[in-house]
Amino acid sequence: MGAPEVLPPRTVAVLEQAERDTCDRTGATV
Protein backbone atom coordinates (compact mmCIF):
# COMPACT_ATOMS: atom_id res chain seq x y z
CA MET A 1 0.00 0.00 0.00
CA GLY A 2 1.33 3.36 -1.03
CA ALA A 3 1.99 5.45 -4.12
CA PRO A 4 3.88 3.22 -6.59
CA GLU A 5 4.75 6.21 -8.77
CA VAL A 6 7.22 7.47 -6.14
CA LEU A 7 9.09 4.13 -6.03
CA PRO A 8 11.64 2.62 -8.41
CA PRO A 9 10.10 0.17 -10.92
CA ARG A 10 12.20 -2.64 -9.43
CA THR A 11 10.67 -2.17 -5.97
CA VAL A 12 7.15 -1.95 -7.40
CA ALA A 13 7.71 -5.17 -9.35
CA VAL A 14 8.90 -7.04 -6.23
CA LEU A 15 5.92 -5.85 -4.18
CA GLU A 16 3.45 -6.77 -6.92
CA GLN A 17 5.01 -10.21 -7.27
CA ALA A 18 4.68 -10.78 -3.52
CA GLU A 19 0.99 -9.93 -3.78
CA ARG A 20 0.48 -12.36 -6.65
CA ASP A 21 2.39 -15.15 -4.93
CA THR A 22 0.33 -14.89 -1.73
CA CYS A 23 -3.15 -13.96 -2.96
CA ASP A 24 -4.54 -17.44 -2.25
CA ARG A 25 -3.08 -17.83 1.23
CA THR A 26 -5.36 -18.02 4.22
CA GLY A 27 -3.11 -16.60 6.92
CA ALA A 28 -3.14 -13.08 8.30
CA THR A 29 -3.01 -10.18 5.86
CA VAL A 30 0.24 -8.23 6.04
All heavy atoms as atom14 arrays in JSON, in Angstrom:
{
  "sequence": "MGAPEVLPPRTVAVLEQAERDTCDRTGATV",
  "atom14_mask": [
    [1, 1, 1, 1, 1, 1, 1, 1, 0, 0, 0, 0, 0, 0],
    [1, 1, 1, 1, 0, 0, 0, 0, 0, 0, 0, 0, 0, 0],
    [1, 1, 1, 1, 1, 0, 0, 0, 0, 0, 0, 0, 0, 0],
    [1, 1, 1, 1, 1, 1, 1, 0, 0, 0, 0, 0, 0, 0],
    [1, 1, 1, 1, 1, 1, 1, 1, 1, 0, 0, 0, 0, 0],
    [1, 1, 1, 1, 1, 1, 1, 0, 0, 0, 0, 0, 0, 0],
    [1, 1, 1, 1, 1, 1, 1, 1, 0, 0, 0, 0, 0, 0],
    [1, 1, 1, 1, 1, 1, 1, 0, 0, 0, 0, 0, 0, 0],
    [1, 1, 1, 1, 1, 1, 1, 0, 0, 0, 0, 0, 0, 0],
    [1, 1, 1, 1, 1, 1, 1, 1, 1, 1, 1, 0, 0, 0],
    [1, 1, 1, 1, 1, 1, 1, 0, 0, 0, 0, 0, 0, 0],
    [1, 1, 1, 1, 1, 1, 1, 0, 0, 0, 0, 0, 0, 0],
    [1, 1, 1, 1, 1, 0, 0, 0, 0, 0, 0, 0, 0, 0],
    [1, 1, 1, 1, 1, 1, 1, 0, 0, 0, 0, 0, 0, 0],
    [1, 1, 1, 1, 1, 1, 1, 1, 0, 0, 0, 0, 0, 0],
    [1, 1, 1, 1, 1, 1, 1, 1, 1, 0, 0, 0, 0, 0],
    [1, 1, 1, 1, 1, 1, 1, 1, 1, 0, 0, 0, 0, 0],
    [1, 1, 1, 1, 1, 0, 0, 0, 0, 0, 0, 0, 0, 0],
    [1, 1, 1, 1, 1, 1, 1, 1, 1, 0, 0, 0, 0, 0],
    [1, 1, 1, 1, 1, 1, 1, 1, 1, 1, 1, 0, 0, 0],
    [1, 1, 1, 1, 1, 1, 1, 1, 0, 0, 0, 0, 0, 0],
    [1, 1, 1, 1, 1, 1, 1, 0, 0, 0, 0, 0, 0, 0],
    [1, 1, 1, 1, 1, 1, 0, 0, 0, 0, 0, 0, 0, 0],
    [1, 1, 1, 1, 1, 1, 1, 1, 0, 0, 0, 0, 0, 0],
    [1, 1, 1, 1, 1, 1, 1, 1, 1, 1, 1, 0, 0, 0],
    [1, 1, 1, 1, 1, 1, 1, 0, 0, 0, 0, 0, 0, 0],
    [1, 1, 1, 1, 0, 0, 0, 0, 0, 0, 0, 0, 0, 0],
    [1, 1, 1, 1, 1, 0, 0, 0, 0, 0, 0, 0, 0, 0],
    [1, 1, 1, 1, 1, 1, 1, 0, 0, 0, 0, 0, 0, 0],
    [1, 1, 1, 1, 1, 1, 1, 0, 0, 0, 0, 0, 0, 0]
  ],
  "atom14_positions": [
    [[0.85, -1.19, 0.0], [0.0, 0.0, 0.0], [0.88, 1.24, 0.0], [1.86, 1.33, 0.74], [-0.95, 0.0, 1.2], [-0.32, -0.28, 2.54], [-1.52, -0.35, 3.88], [-1.83, 1.39, 4.17], [0.0, 0.0, 0.0], [0.0, 0.0, 0.0], [0.0, 0.0, 0.0], [0.0, 0.0, 0.0], [0.0, 0.0, 0.0], [0.0, 0.0, 0.0]],
    [[0.54, 2.15, -0.87], [1.33, 3.36, -1.03], [1.18, 3.89, -2.43], [0.3, 3.46, -3.19], [0.0, 0.0, 0.0], [0.0, 0.0, 0.0], [0.0, 0.0, 0.0], [0.0, 0.0, 0.0], [0.0, 0.0, 0.0], [0.0, 0.0, 0.0], [0.0, 0.0, 0.0], [0.0, 0.0, 0.0], [0.0, 0.0, 0.0], [0.0, 0.0, 0.0]],
    [[2.02, 4.84, -2.79], [1.99, 5.45, -4.12], [3.11, 4.85, -4.96], [4.28, 5.24, -4.82], [2.15, 6.96, -4.0], [0.0, 0.0, 0.0], [0.0, 0.0, 0.0], [0.0, 0.0, 0.0], [0.0, 0.0, 0.0], [0.0, 0.0, 0.0], [0.0, 0.0, 0.0], [0.0, 0.0, 0.0], [0.0, 0.0, 0.0], [0.0, 0.0, 0.0]],
    [[2.81, 3.89, -5.83], [3.88, 3.22, -6.59], [4.66, 4.17, -7.48], [5.83, 3.9, -7.79], [3.12, 2.17, -7.41], [1.7, 2.62, -7.44], [1.48, 3.35, -6.15], [0.0, 0.0, 0.0], [0.0, 0.0, 0.0], [0.0, 0.0, 0.0], [0.0, 0.0, 0.0], [0.0, 0.0, 0.0], [0.0, 0.0, 0.0], [0.0, 0.0, 0.0]],
    [[4.06, 5.29, -7.85], [4.75, 6.21, -8.77], [5.95, 6.88, -8.13], [6.81, 7.42, -8.85], [3.78, 7.27, -9.29], [3.19, 8.19, -8.24], [1.91, 7.67, -7.62], [1.61, 6.47, -7.78], [1.21, 8.48, -6.97], [0.0, 0.0, 0.0], [0.0, 0.0, 0.0], [0.0, 0.0, 0.0], [0.0, 0.0, 0.0], [0.0, 0.0, 0.0]],
    [[6.06, 6.84, -6.79], [7.22, 7.47, -6.14], [8.34, 6.45, -5.89], [9.4, 6.81, -5.38], [6.82, 8.13, -4.8], [5.7, 9.14, -5.02], [6.42, 7.09, -3.75], [0.0, 0.0, 0.0], [0.0, 0.0, 0.0], [0.0, 0.0, 0.0], [0.0, 0.0, 0.0], [0.0, 0.0, 0.0], [0.0, 0.0, 0.0], [0.0, 0.0, 0.0]],
    [[8.12, 5.19, -6.27], [9.09, 4.13, -6.03], [9.77, 3.71, -7.32], [9.19, 3.84, -8.4], [8.39, 2.91, -5.41], [7.67, 3.13, -4.08], [6.91, 1.87, -3.7], [8.66, 3.51, -2.99], [0.0, 0.0, 0.0], [0.0, 0.0, 0.0], [0.0, 0.0, 0.0], [0.0, 0.0, 0.0], [0.0, 0.0, 0.0], [0.0, 0.0, 0.0]],
    [[10.98, 3.15, -7.22], [11.64, 2.62, -8.41], [10.84, 1.45, -8.99], [10.22, 0.69, -8.24], [13.0, 2.14, -7.88], [13.2, 2.82, -6.57], [11.83, 3.04, -6.01], [0.0, 0.0, 0.0], [0.0, 0.0, 0.0], [0.0, 0.0, 0.0], [0.0, 0.0, 0.0], [0.0, 0.0, 0.0], [0.0, 0.0, 0.0], [0.0, 0.0, 0.0]],
    [[10.84, 1.28, -10.3], [10.1, 0.17, -10.92], [10.48, -1.19, -10.35], [9.64, -2.07, -10.22], [10.47, 0.29, -12.4], [10.82, 1.73, -12.59], [11.47, 2.16, -11.3], [0.0, 0.0, 0.0], [0.0, 0.0, 0.0], [0.0, 0.0, 0.0], [0.0, 0.0, 0.0], [0.0, 0.0, 0.0], [0.0, 0.0, 0.0], [0.0, 0.0, 0.0]],
    [[11.75, -1.36, -9.98], [12.2, -2.64, -9.43], [11.47, -2.96, -8.14], [11.0, -4.08, -7.93], [13.7, -2.59, -9.17], [14.31, -3.85, -8.57], [15.65, -3.53, -7.93], [15.48, -2.67, -6.76], [16.29, -1.64, -6.48], [17.29, -1.32, -7.27], [16.08, -0.93, -5.38], [0.0, 0.0, 0.0], [0.0, 0.0, 0.0], [0.0, 0.0, 0.0]],
    [[11.36, -1.96, -7.26], [10.67, -2.17, -5.97], [9.19, -2.46, -6.2], [8.63, -3.36, -5.56], [10.83, -0.93, -5.08], [12.23, -0.65, -4.9], [10.18, -1.15, -3.73], [0.0, 0.0, 0.0], [0.0, 0.0, 0.0], [0.0, 0.0, 0.0], [0.0, 0.0, 0.0], [0.0, 0.0, 0.0], [0.0, 0.0, 0.0], [0.0, 0.0, 0.0]],
    [[8.57, -1.73, -7.1], [7.15, -1.95, -7.4], [6.95, -3.37, -7.91], [6.0, -4.06, -7.51], [6.65, -0.92, -8.44], [5.23, -1.24, -8.87], [6.73, 0.49, -7.87], [0.0, 0.0, 0.0], [0.0, 0.0, 0.0], [0.0, 0.0, 0.0], [0.0, 0.0, 0.0], [0.0, 0.0, 0.0], [0.0, 0.0, 0.0], [0.0, 0.0, 0.0]],
    [[7.84, -3.82, -8.78], [7.71, -5.17, -9.35], [7.82, -6.24, -8.26], [7.06, -7.23, -8.26], [8.78, -5.39, -10.42], [0.0, 0.0, 0.0], [0.0, 0.0, 0.0], [0.0, 0.0, 0.0], [0.0, 0.0, 0.0], [0.0, 0.0, 0.0], [0.0, 0.0, 0.0], [0.0, 0.0, 0.0], [0.0, 0.0, 0.0], [0.0, 0.0, 0.0]],
    [[8.74, -6.07, -7.31], [8.9, -7.04, -6.23], [7.65, -7.08, -5.36], [7.17, -8.15, -4.98], [10.16, -6.71, -5.39], [10.21, -7.57, -4.13], [11.42, -6.92, -6.21], [0.0, 0.0, 0.0], [0.0, 0.0, 0.0], [0.0, 0.0, 0.0], [0.0, 0.0, 0.0], [0.0, 0.0, 0.0], [0.0, 0.0, 0.0], [0.0, 0.0, 0.0]],
    [[7.12, -5.91, -5.02], [5.92, -5.85, -4.18], [4.72, -6.47, -4.89], [3.93, -7.21, -4.29], [5.62, -4.41, -3.8], [6.64, -3.73, -2.86], [6.35, -2.24, -2.74], [6.64, -4.38, -1.49], [0.0, 0.0, 0.0], [0.0, 0.0, 0.0], [0.0, 0.0, 0.0], [0.0, 0.0, 0.0], [0.0, 0.0, 0.0], [0.0, 0.0, 0.0]],
    [[4.58, -6.19, -6.17], [3.45, -6.77, -6.92], [3.58, -8.28, -7.03], [2.58, -9.01, -6.95], [3.39, -6.14, -8.31], [2.94, -4.68, -8.29], [2.93, -4.05, -9.67], [3.53, -4.65, -10.6], [2.34, -2.97, -9.83], [0.0, 0.0, 0.0], [0.0, 0.0, 0.0], [0.0, 0.0, 0.0], [0.0, 0.0, 0.0], [0.0, 0.0, 0.0]],
    [[4.8, -8.77, -7.19], [5.01, -10.21, -7.27], [4.66, -10.87, -5.94], [4.07, -11.96, -5.91], [6.46, -10.52, -7.64], [6.74, -12.0, -7.9], [5.96, -12.52, -9.08], [6.0, -11.95, -10.16], [5.26, -13.64, -8.9], [0.0, 0.0, 0.0], [0.0, 0.0, 0.0], [0.0, 0.0, 0.0], [0.0, 0.0, 0.0], [0.0, 0.0, 0.0]],
    [[5.02, -10.23, -4.84], [4.68, -10.78, -3.52], [3.17, -10.87, -3.35], [2.66, -11.85, -2.78], [5.28, -9.89, -2.43], [0.0, 0.0, 0.0], [0.0, 0.0, 0.0], [0.0, 0.0, 0.0], [0.0, 0.0, 0.0], [0.0, 0.0, 0.0], [0.0, 0.0, 0.0], [0.0, 0.0, 0.0], [0.0, 0.0, 0.0], [0.0, 0.0, 0.0]],
    [[2.45, -9.88, -3.84], [0.99, -9.93, -3.78], [0.45, -11.11, -4.59], [-0.43, -11.85, -4.13], [0.39, -8.62, -4.29], [0.54, -7.45, -3.35], [-0.38, -6.3, -3.73], [-1.39, -6.54, -4.44], [-0.11, -5.16, -3.32], [0.0, 0.0, 0.0], [0.0, 0.0, 0.0], [0.0, 0.0, 0.0], [0.0, 0.0, 0.0], [0.0, 0.0, 0.0]],
    [[0.96, -11.26, -5.8], [0.48, -12.36, -6.65], [0.78, -13.72, -6.04], [-0.05, -14.64, -6.08], [1.1, -12.25, -8.04], [0.57, -11.1, -8.89], [1.0, -11.24, -10.33], [2.45, -11.1, -10.49], [3.07, -9.96, -10.72], [2.37, -8.82, -10.8], [4.38, -9.9, -10.85], [0.0, 0.0, 0.0], [0.0, 0.0, 0.0], [0.0, 0.0, 0.0]],
    [[1.97, -13.85, -5.47], [2.39, -15.15, -4.93], [1.61, -15.56, -3.69], [1.6, -16.73, -3.32], [3.88, -15.12, -4.61], [4.76, -15.07, -5.85], [4.24, -15.36, -6.95], [5.95, -14.73, -5.73], [0.0, 0.0, 0.0], [0.0, 0.0, 0.0], [0.0, 0.0, 0.0], [0.0, 0.0, 0.0], [0.0, 0.0, 0.0], [0.0, 0.0, 0.0]],
    [[0.99, -14.59, -3.01], [0.33, -14.89, -1.73], [-1.18, -14.67, -1.75], [-1.83, -14.81, -0.71], [0.94, -14.02, -0.61], [0.68, -12.63, -0.88], [2.44, -14.24, -0.49], [0.0, 0.0, 0.0], [0.0, 0.0, 0.0], [0.0, 0.0, 0.0], [0.0, 0.0, 0.0], [0.0, 0.0, 0.0], [0.0, 0.0, 0.0], [0.0, 0.0, 0.0]],
    [[-1.74, -14.36, -2.91], [-3.15, -13.96, -2.96], [-4.09, -15.07, -2.52], [-5.22, -14.79, -2.09], [-3.52, -13.46, -4.35], [-3.39, -14.71, -5.65], [0.0, 0.0, 0.0], [0.0, 0.0, 0.0], [0.0, 0.0, 0.0], [0.0, 0.0, 0.0], [0.0, 0.0, 0.0], [0.0, 0.0, 0.0], [0.0, 0.0, 0.0], [0.0, 0.0, 0.0]],
    [[-3.66, -16.32, -2.62], [-4.54, -17.44, -2.25], [-4.27, -17.97, -0.85], [-4.88, -18.96, -0.43], [-4.38, -18.59, -3.26], [-4.87, -18.21, -4.64], [-5.84, -17.43, -4.73], [-4.3, -18.7, -5.63], [0.0, 0.0, 0.0], [0.0, 0.0, 0.0], [0.0, 0.0, 0.0], [0.0, 0.0, 0.0], [0.0, 0.0, 0.0], [0.0, 0.0, 0.0]],
    [[-3.39, -17.34, -0.11], [-3.08, -17.83, 1.23], [-4.17, -17.44, 2.22], [-4.88, -16.46, 2.02], [-1.72, -17.28, 1.69], [-0.57, -17.83, 0.84], [0.77, -17.35, 1.34], [1.84, -17.85, 0.49], [3.12, -17.52, 0.62], [3.48, -16.67, 1.58], [4.03, -18.02, -0.19], [0.0, 0.0, 0.0], [0.0, 0.0, 0.0], [0.0, 0.0, 0.0]],
    [[-4.28, -18.2, 3.26], [-5.36, -18.02, 4.22], [-4.9, -17.47, 5.56], [-5.7, -17.33, 6.49], [-6.09, -19.35, 4.45], [-5.15, -20.33, 4.91], [-6.74, -19.84, 3.16], [0.0, 0.0, 0.0], [0.0, 0.0, 0.0], [0.0, 0.0, 0.0], [0.0, 0.0, 0.0], [0.0, 0.0, 0.0], [0.0, 0.0, 0.0], [0.0, 0.0, 0.0]],
    [[-3.62, -17.16, 5.68], [-3.11, -16.6, 6.92], [-3.46, -15.13, 7.06], [-4.24, -14.57, 6.27], [0.0, 0.0, 0.0], [0.0, 0.0, 0.0], [0.0, 0.0, 0.0], [0.0, 0.0, 0.0], [0.0, 0.0, 0.0], [0.0, 0.0, 0.0], [0.0, 0.0, 0.0], [0.0, 0.0, 0.0], [0.0, 0.0, 0.0], [0.0, 0.0, 0.0]],
    [[-2.88, -14.5, 8.06], [-3.14, -13.08, 8.3], [-2.7, -12.25, 7.1], [-1.76, -12.59, 6.38], [-2.4, -12.63, 9.56], [0.0, 0.0, 0.0], [0.0, 0.0, 0.0], [0.0, 0.0, 0.0], [0.0, 0.0, 0.0], [0.0, 0.0, 0.0], [0.0, 0.0, 0.0], [0.0, 0.0, 0.0], [0.0, 0.0, 0.0], [0.0, 0.0, 0.0]],
    [[-3.4, -11.14, 6.89], [-3.01, -10.18, 5.86], [-1.94, -9.27, 6.41], [-2.07, -8.73, 7.51], [-4.23, -9.35, 5.41], [-5.2, -10.21, 4.82], [-3.82, -8.28, 4.4], [0.0, 0.0, 0.0], [0.0, 0.0, 0.0], [0.0, 0.0, 0.0], [0.0, 0.0, 0.0], [0.0, 0.0, 0.0], [0.0, 0.0, 0.0], [0.0, 0.0, 0.0]],
    [[-0.87, -9.11, 5.63], [0.24, -8.23, 6.04], [0.35, -7.11, 5.01], [0.72, -7.34, 3.86], [1.57, -9.0, 6.13], [2.7, -8.06, 6.54], [1.44, -10.16, 7.12], [0.0, 0.0, 0.0], [0.0, 0.0, 0.0], [0.0, 0.0, 0.0], [0.0, 0.0, 0.0], [0.0, 0.0, 0.0], [0.0, 0.0, 0.0], [0.0, 0.0, 0.0]]
  ]
}
